[in-house]
N, C-alpha and C. Protein backbone atom coordinates (compact mmCIF):
# COMPACT_ATOMS: atom_id res chain seq x y z
N MET A 1 -55.72 -46.51 -22.96
CA MET A 1 -54.65 -46.49 -23.88
C MET A 1 -54.49 -45.22 -24.90
N THR A 2 -53.38 -44.53 -25.85
CA THR A 2 -52.90 -43.64 -26.75
C THR A 2 -51.64 -44.21 -27.46
N VAL A 3 -52.66 -44.06 -29.00
CA VAL A 3 -51.92 -44.16 -30.16
C VAL A 3 -50.76 -43.12 -30.43
N THR A 4 -49.67 -43.59 -30.88
CA THR A 4 -48.90 -42.62 -31.12
C THR A 4 -48.46 -42.98 -32.92
N LYS A 5 -47.74 -41.94 -33.75
CA LYS A 5 -47.75 -42.03 -35.00
C LYS A 5 -46.83 -43.17 -35.26
N ASP A 6 -45.71 -43.26 -34.44
CA ASP A 6 -44.84 -44.37 -34.61
C ASP A 6 -45.07 -45.99 -34.32
N MET A 7 -46.22 -46.20 -33.47
CA MET A 7 -46.96 -47.14 -33.43
C MET A 7 -47.21 -48.55 -34.91
N ILE A 8 -46.60 -49.59 -34.69
CA ILE A 8 -46.98 -50.11 -35.49
C ILE A 8 -48.36 -50.58 -36.26
N MET A 9 -48.95 -50.47 -37.61
CA MET A 9 -50.17 -50.67 -37.61
C MET A 9 -50.53 -52.19 -36.87
N GLY A 10 -49.91 -53.57 -37.55
CA GLY A 10 -50.09 -54.10 -36.98
C GLY A 10 -50.29 -54.00 -35.34
N ASP A 11 -49.46 -53.84 -34.34
CA ASP A 11 -49.65 -53.69 -33.10
C ASP A 11 -50.94 -53.01 -33.06
N ILE A 12 -51.71 -51.78 -33.19
CA ILE A 12 -52.54 -50.85 -32.99
C ILE A 12 -53.96 -51.77 -33.27
N LEU A 13 -53.72 -52.97 -34.50
CA LEU A 13 -54.95 -53.29 -34.71
C LEU A 13 -55.58 -54.59 -34.17
N GLN A 14 -54.66 -55.18 -33.28
CA GLN A 14 -54.35 -56.33 -32.45
C GLN A 14 -54.81 -56.06 -30.65
N THR A 15 -55.20 -54.57 -30.63
CA THR A 15 -55.49 -54.04 -29.25
C THR A 15 -57.04 -54.36 -29.04
N ASP A 16 -57.55 -54.33 -28.03
CA ASP A 16 -58.70 -54.29 -27.59
C ASP A 16 -59.55 -53.40 -28.30
N LYS A 17 -59.01 -52.12 -28.82
CA LYS A 17 -59.48 -51.19 -29.80
C LYS A 17 -59.64 -51.36 -31.16
N ALA A 18 -59.36 -52.41 -31.63
CA ALA A 18 -58.90 -52.47 -33.21
C ALA A 18 -59.93 -52.34 -34.31
N GLU A 19 -61.52 -52.56 -33.66
CA GLU A 19 -62.22 -52.21 -34.72
C GLU A 19 -63.03 -51.12 -34.69
N THR A 20 -62.53 -50.27 -33.96
CA THR A 20 -62.87 -49.06 -33.85
C THR A 20 -61.82 -48.34 -34.18
N ILE A 21 -60.53 -48.54 -34.53
CA ILE A 21 -59.92 -48.15 -35.13
C ILE A 21 -59.48 -48.52 -36.30
N ALA A 22 -59.78 -49.60 -36.74
CA ALA A 22 -59.95 -49.92 -38.23
C ALA A 22 -61.14 -48.70 -38.97
N GLU A 23 -62.16 -48.92 -38.48
CA GLU A 23 -63.43 -48.12 -38.57
C GLU A 23 -63.09 -46.65 -39.14
N ILE A 24 -62.36 -46.16 -38.40
CA ILE A 24 -61.78 -44.68 -38.54
C ILE A 24 -60.66 -44.79 -39.87
N LEU A 25 -59.87 -45.53 -39.54
CA LEU A 25 -58.83 -45.58 -40.81
C LEU A 25 -59.68 -45.72 -42.05
N MET A 26 -60.38 -47.00 -41.93
CA MET A 26 -61.30 -47.14 -43.23
C MET A 26 -62.13 -45.68 -43.82
N ALA A 27 -62.61 -45.22 -42.96
CA ALA A 27 -63.56 -43.91 -43.40
C ALA A 27 -62.47 -42.77 -43.71
N GLU A 28 -61.03 -42.59 -43.40
CA GLU A 28 -60.02 -41.63 -43.75
C GLU A 28 -59.67 -42.56 -45.33
N GLY A 29 -60.11 -43.56 -45.59
CA GLY A 29 -59.26 -43.84 -46.94
C GLY A 29 -58.66 -44.63 -47.12
N MET A 30 -58.46 -45.44 -45.67
CA MET A 30 -57.16 -46.80 -45.98
C MET A 30 -57.40 -47.85 -45.50
N HIS A 31 -57.96 -48.22 -47.02
CA HIS A 31 -58.51 -49.35 -47.08
C HIS A 31 -57.68 -50.77 -47.00
N CYS A 32 -56.34 -50.72 -46.90
CA CYS A 32 -55.40 -52.03 -46.87
C CYS A 32 -55.20 -52.36 -45.38
N VAL A 33 -56.15 -51.64 -44.68
CA VAL A 33 -56.22 -52.64 -43.14
C VAL A 33 -55.66 -53.72 -42.99
N GLY A 34 -56.56 -54.57 -43.84
CA GLY A 34 -55.90 -55.90 -43.48
C GLY A 34 -54.22 -56.38 -44.47
N CYS A 35 -54.13 -55.52 -45.16
CA CYS A 35 -52.89 -55.84 -46.04
C CYS A 35 -51.83 -56.26 -45.48
N PRO A 36 -51.53 -57.75 -45.78
CA PRO A 36 -50.43 -58.21 -45.00
C PRO A 36 -48.81 -57.10 -44.68
N SER A 37 -49.05 -56.36 -45.94
CA SER A 37 -47.69 -55.02 -46.18
C SER A 37 -47.24 -54.29 -44.72
N SER A 38 -48.95 -53.70 -44.74
CA SER A 38 -49.41 -52.76 -44.35
C SER A 38 -49.52 -53.08 -42.55
N ILE A 39 -49.37 -53.81 -42.17
CA ILE A 39 -49.07 -54.00 -40.64
C ILE A 39 -47.97 -53.73 -40.50
N MET A 40 -47.04 -53.81 -41.07
CA MET A 40 -45.16 -53.98 -40.66
C MET A 40 -45.09 -51.99 -40.80
N GLU A 41 -45.79 -51.32 -41.27
CA GLU A 41 -45.73 -50.05 -41.48
C GLU A 41 -46.17 -49.04 -40.11
N SER A 42 -45.43 -48.41 -39.73
CA SER A 42 -45.89 -47.23 -38.27
C SER A 42 -47.02 -46.53 -39.11
N LEU A 43 -48.18 -46.10 -38.32
CA LEU A 43 -49.10 -45.82 -38.73
C LEU A 43 -48.60 -43.94 -39.21
N GLU A 44 -47.88 -43.43 -39.17
CA GLU A 44 -47.35 -42.18 -39.61
C GLU A 44 -46.81 -42.91 -41.42
N ASP A 45 -46.27 -43.82 -41.50
CA ASP A 45 -45.72 -44.11 -42.97
C ASP A 45 -47.26 -44.87 -43.89
N ALA A 46 -48.22 -45.31 -42.99
CA ALA A 46 -49.24 -45.70 -43.65
C ALA A 46 -49.88 -44.98 -44.12
N CYS A 47 -49.58 -43.54 -43.24
CA CYS A 47 -50.68 -42.33 -43.72
C CYS A 47 -50.18 -41.80 -44.94
N ALA A 48 -49.04 -41.31 -44.81
CA ALA A 48 -47.96 -41.38 -45.95
C ALA A 48 -47.90 -41.88 -47.25
N VAL A 49 -48.13 -42.94 -47.29
CA VAL A 49 -48.12 -43.66 -48.29
C VAL A 49 -49.93 -43.32 -49.10
N HIS A 50 -51.28 -42.80 -48.35
CA HIS A 50 -52.07 -42.46 -48.86
C HIS A 50 -52.34 -41.36 -48.71
N GLY A 51 -51.11 -40.68 -48.55
CA GLY A 51 -51.82 -38.84 -48.61
C GLY A 51 -52.74 -38.44 -47.29
N ILE A 52 -52.10 -39.08 -46.18
CA ILE A 52 -53.58 -38.43 -45.22
C ILE A 52 -52.85 -37.74 -44.18
N ASP A 53 -52.89 -36.82 -43.44
CA ASP A 53 -52.72 -36.20 -42.11
C ASP A 53 -52.85 -37.03 -41.49
N VAL A 54 -51.36 -37.59 -41.25
CA VAL A 54 -51.48 -38.44 -39.69
C VAL A 54 -51.46 -37.67 -38.24
N ASP A 55 -51.52 -36.57 -38.07
CA ASP A 55 -52.18 -35.78 -37.08
C ASP A 55 -53.38 -36.11 -36.73
N SER A 56 -54.23 -35.51 -38.18
CA SER A 56 -55.56 -36.16 -37.88
C SER A 56 -56.19 -36.74 -37.74
N VAL A 57 -55.68 -37.62 -37.90
CA VAL A 57 -56.03 -38.92 -38.37
C VAL A 57 -55.89 -39.60 -37.00
N LEU A 58 -54.85 -39.57 -36.49
CA LEU A 58 -54.42 -39.59 -34.90
C LEU A 58 -55.54 -38.89 -33.64
N ALA A 59 -55.80 -38.21 -33.76
CA ALA A 59 -56.22 -37.12 -33.16
C ALA A 59 -58.07 -38.02 -33.33
N LYS A 60 -58.31 -38.09 -34.34
CA LYS A 60 -59.68 -38.82 -34.04
C LYS A 60 -59.54 -40.17 -33.75
N ILE A 61 -58.38 -40.85 -33.98
CA ILE A 61 -58.23 -42.33 -33.15
C ILE A 61 -58.15 -42.00 -31.91
N ASN A 62 -57.08 -41.46 -30.79
CA ASN A 62 -56.89 -41.11 -29.82
C ASN A 62 -57.98 -40.63 -28.94
N ALA A 63 -59.31 -39.86 -29.60
CA ALA A 63 -60.45 -39.39 -29.04
C ALA A 63 -61.52 -40.41 -29.30
N ALA A 64 -61.54 -41.36 -29.93
CA ALA A 64 -62.41 -42.68 -29.80
C ALA A 64 -61.98 -43.76 -29.05
N VAL A 65 -60.90 -43.40 -28.67
CA VAL A 65 -60.29 -44.72 -27.85
C VAL A 65 -59.85 -44.19 -26.20
N ALA A 66 -60.49 -43.33 -25.73
CA ALA A 66 -60.20 -42.56 -24.62
C ALA A 66 -60.56 -42.76 -23.88
């Protein structure tokens, strides 16, 4: 599985790697993982809202789920 920055948060968080991904997002300061509105945003949009570098988060996620 490869996560991309245009993937919808809700879709990412319903995969078999959701727990691992959620832990990474929480560690990066995205504590809204369970927020109903955040699940409709892309990973890139969610990172932008929180002022987080999407490429850095994406690299961590993909390394963890590889």
